[in-house]
Amino acid sequence: MAPSRLGEAAEAAIAAADSVFVSPISVYEVTRKARLGGWPEIIPRLDELVAETETLTAPFTRNTAARAAQLDWRHRDPFDRFIAATAIELPCPLVSKDTEFDSLSGESGWPGRVW
């Protein structure tokens, strides 16, 4: 949504990828943040951004939900757990600025985080 804010490694990973997915949970988080006033500059583009991600939406399955609940991870944020589980289930590296995901490095199937 803001390519200029990506780290160099994230830009390179996206450019080299055959496919790029957006977690439906991320769409929820961005939309909610905008609605609550946390990202006012995105509001005029919100409908367009949601529509753009339609073809890129990662599947959210029962396996993803179960994986999120079963992660051996002290981080309790359910949204981050769903995002991490999505990366494991696909499997594909997670593009995120949030270093909290790095603590999953010992988790079976964790594809890693790039930024």
PDB file of N, CA and C in Angstrom:
ATOM      1  N   MET A   1       0.810  -1.194   0.000  1.00  0.00           N
ATOM      2  CA  MET A   1       0.000   0.000   0.000  1.00  0.00           C
ATOM      3  C   MET A   1       0.855   1.260   0.000  1.00  0.00           C
ATOM      4  N   ALA A   2       2.095   1.099   0.463  1.00  0.00           N
ATOM      5  CA  ALA A   2       3.029   2.228   0.458  1.00  0.00           C
ATOM      6  C   ALA A   2       4.411   1.688   0.101  1.00  0.00           C
ATOM      7  N   PRO A   3       4.626   1.354  -1.181  1.00  0.00           N
ATOM      8  CA  PRO A   3       5.887   0.725  -1.593  1.00  0.00           C
ATOM      9  C   PRO A   3       7.127   1.516  -1.204  1.00  0.00           C
ATOM     10  N   SER A   4       7.023   2.818  -1.121  1.00  0.00           N
ATOM     11  CA  SER A   4       8.183   3.624  -0.765  1.00  0.00           C
ATOM     12  C   SER A   4       8.634   3.384   0.676  1.00  0.00           C
ATOM     13  N   ARG A   5       7.791   2.778   1.492  1.00  0.00           N
ATOM     14  CA  ARG A   5       8.134   2.504   2.889  1.00  0.00           C
ATOM     15  C   ARG A   5       8.762   1.127   3.083  1.00  0.00           C
ATOM     16  N   LEU A   6       8.841   0.334   2.028  1.00  0.00           N
ATOM     17  CA  LEU A   6       9.421  -1.002   2.138  1.00  0.00           C
ATOM     18  C   LEU A   6      10.928  -0.939   2.323  1.00  0.00           C
ATOM     19  N   GLY A   7      11.461  -1.901   3.074  1.00  0.00           N
ATOM     20  CA  GLY A   7      12.897  -2.055   3.175  1.00  0.00           C
ATOM     21  C   GLY A   7      13.442  -2.621   1.876  1.00  0.00           C
ATOM     22  N   GLU A   8      14.751  -2.486   1.677  1.00  0.00           N
ATOM     23  CA  GLU A   8      15.374  -2.977   0.431  1.00  0.00           C
ATOM     24  C   GLU A   8      15.191  -4.478   0.256  1.00  0.00           C
ATOM     25  N   ALA A   9      15.359  -5.245   1.339  1.00  0.00           N
ATOM     26  CA  ALA A   9      15.205  -6.703   1.249  1.00  0.00           C
ATOM     27  C   ALA A   9      13.766  -7.070   0.889  1.00  0.00           C
ATOM     28  N   ALA A  10      12.811  -6.344   1.443  1.00  0.00           N
ATOM     29  CA  ALA A  10      11.396  -6.609   1.135  1.00  0.00           C
ATOM     30  C   ALA A  10      11.108  -6.296  -0.326  1.00  0.00           C
ATOM     31  N   GLU A  11      11.605  -5.167  -0.809  1.00  0.00           N
ATOM     32  CA  GLU A  11      11.419  -4.810  -2.227  1.00  0.00           C
ATOM     33  C   GLU A  11      11.996  -5.881  -3.136  1.00  0.00           C
ATOM     34  N   ALA A  12      13.206  -6.333  -2.817  1.00  0.00           N
ATOM     35  CA  ALA A  12      13.870  -7.357  -3.639  1.00  0.00           C
ATOM     36  C   ALA A  12      13.097  -8.669  -3.609  1.00  0.00           C
ATOM     37  N   ALA A  13      12.602  -9.064  -2.431  1.00  0.00           N
ATOM     38  CA  ALA A  13      11.845 -10.317  -2.315  1.00  0.00           C
ATOM     39  C   ALA A  13      10.558 -10.257  -3.126  1.00  0.00           C
ATOM     40  N   ILE A  14       9.874  -9.132  -3.075  1.00  0.00           N
ATOM     41  CA  ILE A  14       8.629  -8.975  -3.831  1.00  0.00           C
ATOM     42  C   ILE A  14       8.908  -8.988  -5.326  1.00  0.00           C
ATOM     43  N   ALA A  15       9.959  -8.300  -5.745  1.00  0.00           N
ATOM     44  CA  ALA A  15      10.312  -8.246  -7.166  1.00  0.00           C
ATOM     45  C   ALA A  15      10.695  -9.624  -7.698  1.00  0.00           C
ATOM     46  N   ALA A  16      11.318 -10.441  -6.874  1.00  0.00           N
ATOM     47  CA  ALA A  16      11.783 -11.758  -7.316  1.00  0.00           C
ATOM     48  C   ALA A  16      10.709 -12.848  -7.194  1.00  0.00           C
ATOM     49  N   ALA A  17       9.637 -12.563  -6.507  1.00  0.00           N
ATOM     50  CA  ALA A  17       8.613 -13.581  -6.233  1.00  0.00           C
ATOM     51  C   ALA A  17       7.770 -13.894  -7.467  1.00  0.00           C
ATOM     52  N   ASP A  18       7.383 -15.165  -7.587  1.00  0.00           N
ATOM     53  CA  ASP A  18       6.445 -15.569  -8.626  1.00  0.00           C
ATOM     54  C   ASP A  18       5.034 -15.109  -8.283  1.00  0.00           C
ATOM     55  N   SER A  19       4.719 -15.111  -6.986  1.00  0.00           N
ATOM     56  CA  SER A  19       3.401 -14.708  -6.486  1.00  0.00           C
ATOM     57  C   SER A  19       3.578 -13.908  -5.208  1.00  0.00           C
ATOM     58  N   VAL A  20       2.678 -12.973  -4.996  1.00  0.00           N
ATOM     59  CA  VAL A  20       2.647 -12.183  -3.765  1.00  0.00           C
ATOM     60  C   VAL A  20       1.219 -12.252  -3.239  1.00  0.00           C
ATOM     61  N   PHE A  21       1.093 -12.516  -1.952  1.00  0.00           N
ATOM     62  CA  PHE A  21      -0.228 -12.628  -1.334  1.00  0.00           C
ATOM     63  C   PHE A  21      -0.402 -11.590  -0.243  1.00  0.00           C
ATOM     64  N   VAL A  22      -1.648 -11.238   0.006  1.00  0.00           N
ATOM     65  CA  VAL A  22      -2.018 -10.357   1.106  1.00  0.00           C
ATOM     66  C   VAL A  22      -2.946 -11.152   2.008  1.00  0.00           C
ATOM     67  N   SER A  23      -2.611 -11.206   3.280  1.00  0.00           N
ATOM     68  CA  SER A  23      -3.469 -11.916   4.227  1.00  0.00           C
ATOM     69  C   SER A  23      -4.786 -11.171   4.381  1.00  0.00           C
ATOM     70  N   PRO A  24      -5.905 -11.880   4.391  1.00  0.00           N
ATOM     71  CA  PRO A  24      -7.182 -11.203   4.635  1.00  0.00           C
ATOM     72  C   PRO A  24      -7.192 -10.504   5.997  1.00  0.00           C
ATOM     73  N   ILE A  25      -6.413 -11.005   6.933  1.00  0.00           N
ATOM     74  CA  ILE A  25      -6.318 -10.373   8.255  1.00  0.00           C
ATOM     75  C   ILE A  25      -5.646  -9.010   8.126  1.00  0.00           C
ATOM     76  N   SER A  26      -4.671  -8.887   7.226  1.00  0.00           N
ATOM     77  CA  SER A  26      -4.014  -7.594   7.006  1.00  0.00           C
ATOM     78  C   SER A  26      -4.989  -6.579   6.430  1.00  0.00           C
ATOM     79  N   VAL A  27      -5.860  -7.023   5.543  1.00  0.00           N
ATOM     80  CA  VAL A  27      -6.884  -6.136   4.985  1.00  0.00           C
ATOM     81  C   VAL A  27      -7.792  -5.642   6.117  1.00  0.00           C
ATOM     82  N   TYR A  28      -8.170  -6.550   7.005  1.00  0.00           N
ATOM     83  CA  TYR A  28      -8.976  -6.175   8.161  1.00  0.00           C
ATOM     84  C   TYR A  28      -8.251  -5.127   9.010  1.00  0.00           C
ATOM     85  N   GLU A  29      -6.981  -5.380   9.317  1.00  0.00           N
ATOM     86  CA  GLU A  29      -6.239  -4.471  10.188  1.00  0.00           C
ATOM     87  C   GLU A  29      -6.099  -3.076   9.579  1.00  0.00           C
ATOM     88  N   VAL A  30      -5.792  -3.001   8.295  1.00  0.00           N
ATOM     89  CA  VAL A  30      -5.644  -1.701   7.634  1.00  0.00           C
ATOM     90  C   VAL A  30      -6.977  -0.962   7.613  1.00  0.00           C
ATOM     91  N   THR A  31      -8.046  -1.672   7.261  1.00  0.00           N
ATOM     92  CA  THR A  31      -9.368  -1.052   7.195  1.00  0.00           C
ATOM     93  C   THR A  31      -9.800  -0.546   8.569  1.00  0.00           C
ATOM     94  N   ARG A  32      -9.589  -1.343   9.585  1.00  0.00           N
ATOM     95  CA  ARG A  32      -9.966  -0.945  10.944  1.00  0.00           C
ATOM     96  C   ARG A  32      -9.143   0.247  11.420  1.00  0.00           C
ATOM     97  N   LYS A  33      -7.838   0.202  11.167  1.00  0.00           N
ATOM     98  CA  LYS A  33      -6.975   1.317  11.575  1.00  0.00           C
ATOM     99  C   LYS A  33      -7.440   2.620  10.919  1.00  0.00           C
ATOM    100  N   ALA A  34      -7.773   2.556   9.639  1.00  0.00           N
ATOM    101  CA  ALA A  34      -8.251   3.748   8.932  1.00  0.00           C
ATOM    102  C   ALA A  34      -9.575   4.230   9.523  1.00  0.00           C
ATOM    103  N   ARG A  35     -10.482   3.305   9.777  1.00  0.00           N
ATOM    104  CA  ARG A  35     -11.794   3.651  10.331  1.00  0.00           C
ATOM    105  C   ARG A  35     -11.682   4.318  11.694  1.00  0.00           C
ATOM    106  N   LEU A  36     -10.697   3.892  12.487  1.00  0.00           N
ATOM    107  CA  LEU A  36     -10.519   4.443  13.830  1.00  0.00           C
ATOM    108  C   LEU A  36      -9.657   5.707  13.839  1.00  0.00           C
ATOM    109  N   GLY A  37      -9.270   6.185  12.641  1.00  0.00           N
ATOM    110  CA  GLY A  37      -8.524   7.432  12.551  1.00  0.00           C
ATOM    111  C   GLY A  37      -7.020   7.294  12.614  1.00  0.00           C
ATOM    112  N   GLY A  38      -6.506   6.073  12.626  1.00  0.00           N
ATOM    113  CA  GLY A  38      -5.072   5.854  12.736  1.00  0.00           C
ATOM    114  C   GLY A  38      -4.291   6.010  11.449  1.00  0.00           C
ATOM    115  N   TRP A  39      -4.990   6.088  10.322  1.00  0.00           N
ATOM    116  CA  TRP A  39      -4.304   6.224   9.031  1.00  0.00           C
ATOM    117  C   TRP A  39      -5.209   7.037   8.117  1.00  0.00           C
ATOM    118  N   PRO A  40      -5.437   8.308   8.432  1.00  0.00           N
ATOM    119  CA  PRO A  40      -6.417   9.113   7.688  1.00  0.00           C
ATOM    120  C   PRO A  40      -6.072   9.302   6.212  1.00  0.00           C
ATOM    121  N   GLU A  41      -4.800   9.327   5.863  1.00  0.00           N
ATOM    122  CA  GLU A  41      -4.430   9.553   4.460  1.00  0.00           C
ATOM    123  C   GLU A  41      -4.785   8.384   3.544  1.00  0.00           C
ATOM    124  N   ILE A  42      -5.061   7.213   4.107  1.00  0.00           N
ATOM    125  CA  ILE A  42      -5.397   6.049   3.292  1.00  0.00           C
ATOM    126  C   ILE A  42      -6.892   5.972   2.990  1.00  0.00           C
ATOM    127  N   ILE A  43      -7.710   6.675   3.760  1.00  0.00           N
ATOM    128  CA  ILE A  43      -9.164   6.578   3.624  1.00  0.00           C
ATOM    129  C   ILE A  43      -9.654   6.839   2.199  1.00  0.00           C
ATOM    130  N   PRO A  44      -9.167   7.871   1.485  1.00  0.00           N
ATOM    131  CA  PRO A  44      -9.658   8.085   0.116  1.00  0.00           C
ATOM    132  C   PRO A  44      -9.326   6.930  -0.840  1.00  0.00           C
ATOM    133  N   ARG A  45      -8.306   6.129  -0.524  1.00  0.00           N
ATOM    134  CA  ARG A  45      -7.897   5.025  -1.399  1.00  0.00           C
ATOM    135  C   ARG A  45      -8.317   3.660  -0.876  1.00  0.00           C
ATOM    136  N   LEU A  46      -8.984   3.623   0.252  1.00  0.00           N
ATOM    137  CA  LEU A  46      -9.267   2.357   0.918  1.00  0.00           C
ATOM    138  C   LEU A  46     -10.056   1.382   0.056  1.00  0.00           C
ATOM    139  N   ASP A  47     -11.141   1.818  -0.552  1.00  0.00           N
ATOM    140  CA  ASP A  47     -11.934   0.915  -1.399  1.00  0.00           C
ATOM    141  C   ASP A  47     -11.110   0.388  -2.563  1.00  0.00           C
ATOM    142  N   GLU A  48     -10.316   1.262  -3.159  1.00  0.00           N
ATOM    143  CA  GLU A  48      -9.446   0.854  -4.274  1.00  0.00           C
ATOM    144  C   GLU A  48      -8.416  -0.182  -3.808  1.00  0.00           C
ATOM    145  N   LEU A  49      -7.809   0.035  -2.653  1.00  0.00           N
ATOM    146  CA  LEU A  49      -6.809  -0.902  -2.142  1.00  0.00           C
ATOM    147  C   LEU A  49      -7.418  -2.251  -1.805  1.00  0.00           C
ATOM    148  N   VAL A  50      -8.598  -2.241  -1.225  1.00  0.00           N
ATOM    149  CA  VAL A  50      -9.269  -3.502  -0.912  1.00  0.00           C
ATOM    150  C   VAL A  50      -9.586  -4.246  -2.207  1.00  0.00           C
ATOM    151  N   ALA A  51     -10.056  -3.545  -3.214  1.00  0.00           N
ATOM    152  CA  ALA A  51     -10.350  -4.175  -4.507  1.00  0.00           C
ATOM    153  C   ALA A  51      -9.082  -4.711  -5.163  1.00  0.00           C
ATOM    154  N   GLU A  52      -7.980  -3.964  -5.066  1.00  0.00           N
ATOM    155  CA  GLU A  52      -6.708  -4.403  -5.664  1.00  0.00           C
ATOM    156  C   GLU A  52      -6.212  -5.702  -5.043  1.00  0.00           C
ATOM    157  N   THR A  53      -6.458  -5.899  -3.768  1.00  0.00           N
ATOM    158  CA  THR A  53      -5.952  -7.095  -3.099  1.00  0.00           C
ATOM    159  C   THR A  53      -6.820  -8.325  -3.345  1.00  0.00           C
ATOM    160  N   GLU A  54      -7.967  -8.159  -3.979  1.00  0.00           N
ATOM    161  CA  GLU A  54      -8.880  -9.287  -4.206  1.00  0.00           C
ATOM    162  C   GLU A  54      -8.182 -10.463  -4.880  1.00  0.00           C
ATOM    163  N   THR A  55      -7.415 -10.208  -5.923  1.00  0.00           N
ATOM    164  CA  THR A  55      -6.757 -11.293  -6.649  1.00  0.00           C
ATOM    165  C   THR A  55      -5.502 -11.784  -5.935  1.00  0.00           C
ATOM    166  N   LEU A  56      -5.061 -11.063  -4.920  1.00  0.00           N
ATOM    167  CA  LEU A  56      -3.848 -11.425  -4.197  1.00  0.00           C
ATOM    168  C   LEU A  56      -4.131 -12.019  -2.830  1.00  0.00           C
ATOM    169  N   THR A  57      -5.383 -12.157  -2.485  1.00  0.00           N
ATOM    170  CA  THR A  57      -5.737 -12.572  -1.135  1.00  0.00           C
ATOM    171  C   THR A  57      -5.310 -14.009  -0.864  1.00  0.00           C
ATOM    172  N   ALA A  58      -4.550 -14.162   0.206  1.00  0.00           N
ATOM    173  CA  ALA A  58      -4.126 -15.492   0.635  1.00  0.00           C
ATOM    174  C   ALA A  58      -5.334 -16.242   1.172  1.00  0.00           C
ATOM    175  N   PRO A  59      -5.363 -17.547   0.989  1.00  0.00           N
ATOM    176  CA  PRO A  59      -6.492 -18.308   1.529  1.00  0.00           C
ATOM    177  C   PRO A  59      -6.466 -18.311   3.053  1.00  0.00           C
ATOM    178  N   PHE A  60      -7.628 -18.229   3.647  1.00  0.00           N
ATOM    179  CA  PHE A  60      -7.744 -18.379   5.093  1.00  0.00           C
ATOM    180  C   PHE A  60      -8.576 -19.623   5.329  1.00  0.00           C
ATOM    181  N   THR A  61      -7.923 -20.670   5.773  1.00  0.00           N
ATOM    182  CA  THR A  61      -8.560 -21.978   5.878  1.00  0.00           C
ATOM    183  C   THR A  61      -8.647 -22.443   7.327  1.00  0.00           C
ATOM    184  N   ARG A  62      -9.321 -23.564   7.503  1.00  0.00           N
ATOM    185  CA  ARG A  62      -9.370 -24.183   8.840  1.00  0.00           C
ATOM    186  C   ARG A  62      -7.966 -24.552   9.302  1.00  0.00           C
ATOM    187  N   ASN A  63      -7.134 -25.023   8.376  1.00  0.00           N
ATOM    188  CA  ASN A  63      -5.763 -25.377   8.739  1.00  0.00           C
ATOM    189  C   ASN A  63      -4.987 -24.148   9.216  1.00  0.00           C
ATOM    190  N   THR A  64      -5.211 -23.010   8.551  1.00  0.00           N
ATOM    191  CA  THR A  64      -4.544 -21.780   8.965  1.00  0.00           C
ATOM    192  C   THR A  64      -5.001 -21.387  10.361  1.00  0.00           C
ATOM    193  N   ALA A  65      -6.298 -21.462  10.612  1.00  0.00           N
ATOM    194  CA  ALA A  65      -6.832 -21.113  11.930  1.00  0.00           C
ATOM    195  C   ALA A  65      -6.273 -22.032  13.010  1.00  0.00           C
ATOM    196  N   ALA A  66      -6.239 -23.326  12.733  1.00  0.00           N
ATOM    197  CA  ALA A  66      -5.712 -24.285  13.704  1.00  0.00           C
ATOM    198  C   ALA A  66      -4.222 -24.047  13.940  1.00  0.00           C
ATOM    199  N   ARG A  67      -3.483 -23.798  12.873  1.00  0.00           N
ATOM    200  CA  ARG A  67      -2.040 -23.529  12.992  1.00  0.00           C
ATOM    201  C   ARG A  67      -1.810 -22.293  13.859  1.00  0.00           C
ATOM    202  N   ALA A  68      -2.608 -21.244  13.655  1.00  0.00           N
ATOM    203  CA  ALA A  68      -2.461 -20.014  14.445  1.00  0.00           C
ATOM    204  C   ALA A  68      -2.629 -20.301  15.935  1.00  0.00           C
ATOM    205  N   ALA A  69      -3.576 -21.149  16.264  1.00  0.00           N
ATOM    206  CA  ALA A  69      -3.832 -21.479  17.674  1.00  0.00           C
ATOM    207  C   ALA A  69      -2.742 -22.363  18.260  1.00  0.00           C
ATOM    208  N   GLN A  70      -2.108 -23.161  17.416  1.00  0.00           N
ATOM    209  CA  GLN A  70      -1.133 -24.139  17.896  1.00  0.00           C
ATOM    210  C   GLN A  70       0.309 -23.634  17.886  1.00  0.00           C
ATOM    211  N   LEU A  71       0.550 -22.459  17.363  1.00  0.00           N
ATOM    212  CA  LEU A  71       1.918 -21.950  17.321  1.00  0.00           C
ATOM    213  C   LEU A  71       2.528 -21.897  18.718  1.00  0.00           C
ATOM    214  N   ASP A  72       3.755 -22.384  18.828  1.00  0.00           N
ATOM    215  CA  ASP A  72       4.493 -22.304  20.080  1.00  0.00           C
ATOM    216  C   ASP A  72       5.190 -20.944  20.107  1.00  0.00           C
ATOM    217  N   TRP A  73       4.398 -19.928  20.419  1.00  0.00           N
ATOM    218  CA  TRP A  73       4.843 -18.541  20.295  1.00  0.00           C
ATOM    219  C   TRP A  73       4.226 -17.751  21.431  1.00  0.00           C
ATOM    220  N   ARG A  74       5.024 -17.044  22.181  1.00  0.00           N
ATOM    221  CA  ARG A  74       4.517 -16.293  23.330  1.00  0.00           C
ATOM    222  C   ARG A  74       3.649 -15.109  22.917  1.00  0.00           C
ATOM    223  N   HIS A  75       3.778 -14.680  21.670  1.00  0.00           N
ATOM    224  CA  HIS A  75       3.022 -13.533  21.171  1.00  0.00           C
ATOM    225  C   HIS A  75       1.540 -13.914  21.113  1.00  0.00           C
ATOM    226  N   ARG A  76       0.694 -13.135  21.762  1.00  0.00           N
ATOM    227  CA  ARG A  76      -0.713 -13.518  21.894  1.00  0.00           C
ATOM    228  C   ARG A  76      -1.648 -12.797  20.933  1.00  0.00           C
ATOM    229  N   ASP A  77      -1.165 -11.812  20.187  1.00  0.00           N
ATOM    230  CA  ASP A  77      -2.027 -11.061  19.262  1.00  0.00           C
ATOM    231  C   ASP A  77      -2.615 -12.027  18.233  1.00  0.00           C
ATOM    232  N   PRO A  78      -3.931 -12.231  18.247  1.00  0.00           N
ATOM    233  CA  PRO A  78      -4.516 -13.214  17.330  1.00  0.00           C
ATOM    234  C   PRO A  78      -4.314 -12.852  15.859  1.00  0.00           C
ATOM    235  N   PHE A  79      -4.288 -11.573  15.539  1.00  0.00           N
ATOM    236  CA  PHE A  79      -4.110 -11.181  14.144  1.00  0.00           C
ATOM    237  C   PHE A  79      -2.711 -11.524  13.658  1.00  0.00           C
ATOM    238  N   ASP A  80      -1.705 -11.244  14.470  1.00  0.00           N
ATOM    239  CA  ASP A  80      -0.339 -11.614  14.098  1.00  0.00           C
ATOM    240  C   ASP A  80      -0.181 -13.125  14.009  1.00  0.00           C
ATOM    241  N   ARG A  81      -0.876 -13.851  14.871  1.00  0.00           N
ATOM    242  CA  ARG A  81      -0.818 -15.308  14.816  1.00  0.00           C
ATOM    243  C   ARG A  81      -1.426 -15.832  13.504  1.00  0.00           C
ATOM    244  N   PHE A  82      -2.536 -15.225  13.061  1.00  0.00           N
ATOM    245  CA  PHE A  82      -3.130 -15.622  11.782  1.00  0.00           C
ATOM    246  C   PHE A  82      -2.186 -15.305  10.617  1.00  0.00           C
ATOM    247  N   ILE A  83      -1.545 -14.148  10.669  1.00  0.00           N
ATOM    248  CA  ILE A  83      -0.615 -13.757   9.608  1.00  0.00           C
ATOM    249  C   ILE A  83       0.568 -14.718   9.558  1.00  0.00           C
ATOM    250  N   ALA A  84       1.126 -15.053  10.720  1.00  0.00           N
ATOM    251  CA  ALA A  84       2.245 -15.994  10.771  1.00  0.00           C
ATOM    252  C   ALA A  84       1.823 -17.373  10.256  1.00  0.00           C
ATOM    253  N   ALA A  85       0.661 -17.831  10.675  1.00  0.00           N
ATOM    254  CA  ALA A  85       0.171 -19.137  10.231  1.00  0.00           C
ATOM    255  C   ALA A  85      -0.052 -19.153   8.725  1.00  0.00           C
ATOM    256  N   THR A  86      -0.502 -18.059   8.166  1.00  0.00           N
ATOM    257  CA  THR A  86      -0.691 -17.966   6.717  1.00  0.00           C
ATOM    258  C   THR A  86       0.646 -18.129   6.007  1.00  0.00           C
ATOM    259  N   ALA A  87       1.686 -17.470   6.505  1.00  0.00           N
ATOM    260  CA  ALA A  87       3.021 -17.593   5.896  1.00  0.00           C
ATOM    261  C   ALA A  87       3.520 -19.034   5.959  1.00  0.00           C
ATOM    262  N   ILE A  88       3.261 -19.708   7.068  1.00  0.00           N
ATOM    263  CA  ILE A  88       3.687 -21.104   7.209  1.00  0.00           C
ATOM    264  C   ILE A  88       2.893 -22.009   6.283  1.00  0.00           C
ATOM    265  N   GLU A  89       1.598 -21.823   6.216  1.00  0.00           N
ATOM    266  CA  GLU A  89       0.734 -22.694   5.416  1.00  0.00           C
ATOM    267  C   GLU A  89       0.980 -22.547   3.920  1.00  0.00           C
ATOM    268  N   LEU A  90       1.371 -21.376   3.442  1.00  0.00           N
ATOM    269  CA  LEU A  90       1.478 -21.184   1.986  1.00  0.00           C
ATOM    270  C   LEU A  90       2.602 -21.990   1.310  1.00  0.00           C
ATOM    271  N   PRO A  91       3.736 -22.202   1.728  1.00  0.00           N
ATOM    272  CA  PRO A  91       4.652 -21.463   2.582  1.00  0.00           C
ATOM    273  C   PRO A  91       5.334 -20.339   1.781  1.00  0.00           C
ATOM    274  N   CYS A  92       5.460 -19.206   2.412  1.00  0.00           N
ATOM    275  CA  CYS A  92       6.149 -18.086   1.773  1.00  0.00           C
ATOM    276  C   CYS A  92       6.679 -17.140   2.847  1.00  0.00           C
ATOM    277  N   PRO A  93       7.799 -16.478   2.589  1.00  0.00           N
ATOM    278  CA  PRO A  93       8.327 -15.542   3.581  1.00  0.00           C
ATOM    279  C   PRO A  93       7.332 -14.419   3.850  1.00  0.00           C
ATOM    280  N   LEU A  94       7.367 -13.931   5.049  1.00  0.00           N
ATOM    281  CA  LEU A  94       6.480 -12.847   5.462  1.00  0.00           C
ATOM    282  C   LEU A  94       7.198 -11.511   5.283  1.00  0.00           C
ATOM    283  N   VAL A  95       6.575 -10.598   4.574  1.00  0.00           N
ATOM    284  CA  VAL A  95       7.105  -9.243   4.445  1.00  0.00           C
ATOM    285  C   VAL A  95       6.458  -8.423   5.551  1.00  0.00           C
ATOM    286  N   SER A  96       7.270  -8.039   6.520  1.00  0.00           N
ATOM    287  CA  SER A  96       6.755  -7.274   7.656  1.00  0.00           C
ATOM    288  C   SER A  96       7.876  -6.507   8.326  1.00  0.00           C
ATOM    289  N   LYS A  97       7.546  -5.332   8.790  1.00  0.00           N
ATOM    290  CA  LYS A  97       8.475  -4.510   9.554  1.00  0.00           C
ATOM    291  C   LYS A  97       8.553  -4.984  11.005  1.00  0.00           C
ATOM    292  N   ASP A  98       7.562  -5.733  11.454  1.00  0.00           N
ATOM    293  CA  ASP A  98       7.420  -6.156  12.843  1.00  0.00           C
ATOM    294  C   ASP A  98       8.430  -7.252  13.206  1.00  0.00           C
ATOM    295  N   THR A  99       9.405  -6.904  14.027  1.00  0.00           N
ATOM    296  CA  THR A  99      10.450  -7.851  14.418  1.00  0.00           C
ATOM    297  C   THR A  99       9.946  -8.946  15.357  1.00  0.00           C
ATOM    298  N   GLU A 100       8.751  -8.796  15.890  1.00  0.00           N
ATOM    299  CA  GLU A 100       8.177  -9.823  16.765  1.00  0.00           C
ATOM    300  C   GLU A 100       8.087 -11.168  16.036  1.00  0.00           C
ATOM    301  N   PHE A 101       7.894 -11.121  14.726  1.00  0.00           N
ATOM    302  CA  PHE A 101       7.803 -12.361  13.945  1.00  0.00           C
ATOM    303  C   PHE A 101       9.120 -13.135  13.939  1.00  0.00           C
ATOM    304  N   ASP A 102      10.242 -12.464  14.174  1.00  0.00           N
ATOM    305  CA  ASP A 102      11.542 -13.147  14.172  1.00  0.00           C
ATOM    306  C   ASP A 102      11.650 -14.189  15.276  1.00  0.00           C
ATOM    307  N   SER A 103      10.862 -14.042  16.323  1.00  0.00           N
ATOM    308  CA  SER A 103      10.913 -15.017  17.412  1.00  0.00           C
ATOM    309  C   SER A 103      10.294 -16.359  17.001  1.00  0.00           C
ATOM    310  N   LEU A 104       9.763 -16.446  15.801  1.00  0.00           N
ATOM    311  CA  LEU A 104       9.227 -17.709  15.275  1.00  0.00           C
ATOM    312  C   LEU A 104      10.304 -18.539  14.568  1.00  0.00           C
ATOM    313  N   SER A 105      11.540 -18.092  14.601  1.00  0.00           N
ATOM    314  CA  SER A 105      12.592 -18.754  13.818  1.00  0.00           C
ATOM    315  C   SER A 105      12.748 -20.239  14.135  1.00  0.00           C
ATOM    316  N   GLY A 106      12.383 -20.689  15.327  1.00  0.00           N
ATOM    317  CA  GLY A 106      12.476 -22.106  15.656  1.00  0.00           C
ATOM    318  C   GLY A 106      11.219 -22.895  15.354  1.00  0.00           C
ATOM    319  N   GLU A 107      10.180 -22.221  14.905  1.00  0.00           N
ATOM    320  CA  GLU A 107       8.895 -22.884  14.613  1.00  0.00           C
ATOM    321  C   GLU A 107       8.998 -23.714  13.333  1.00  0.00           C
ATOM    322  N   SER A 108       8.527 -24.933  13.390  1.00  0.00           N
ATOM    323  CA  SER A 108       8.554 -25.817  12.230  1.00  0.00           C
ATOM    324  C   SER A 108       7.819 -25.189  11.044  1.00  0.00           C
ATOM    325  N   GLY A 109       8.485 -25.122   9.922  1.00  0.00           N
ATOM    326  CA  GLY A 109       7.878 -24.601   8.701  1.00  0.00           C
ATOM    327  C   GLY A 109       7.943 -23.092   8.553  1.00  0.00           C
ATOM    328  N   TRP A 110       8.453 -22.379   9.556  1.00  0.00           N
ATOM    329  CA  TRP A 110       8.501 -20.918   9.470  1.00  0.00           C
ATOM    330  C   TRP A 110       9.419 -20.502   8.325  1.00  0.00           C
ATOM    331  N   PRO A 111       8.884 -19.781   7.328  1.00  0.00           N
ATOM    332  CA  PRO A 111       9.680 -19.412   6.159  1.00  0.00           C
ATOM    333  C   PRO A 111      10.521 -18.151   6.347  1.00  0.00           C
ATOM    334  N   GLY A 112      10.361 -17.463   7.452  1.00  0.00           N
ATOM    335  CA  GLY A 112      11.164 -16.277   7.755  1.00  0.00           C
ATOM    336  C   GLY A 112      10.447 -14.986   7.412  1.00  0.00           C
ATOM    337  N   ARG A 113      11.050 -13.910   7.889  1.00  0.00           N
ATOM    338  CA  ARG A 113      10.527 -12.555   7.682  1.00  0.00           C
ATOM    339  C   ARG A 113      11.566 -11.760   6.929  1.00  0.00           C
ATOM    340  N   VAL A 114      11.106 -10.936   5.978  1.00  0.00           N
ATOM    341  CA  VAL A 114      12.010 -10.023   5.280  1.00  0.00           C
ATOM    342  C   VAL A 114      11.490  -8.596   5.443  1.00  0.00           C
ATOM    343  N   TRP A 115      12.412  -7.672   5.516  1.00  0.00           N
ATOM    344  CA  TRP A 115      12.085  -6.264   5.519  1.00  0.00           C
ATOM    345  C   TRP A 115      13.249  -5.517   4.964  1.00  0.00           C
TER     346      TRP A 115
END
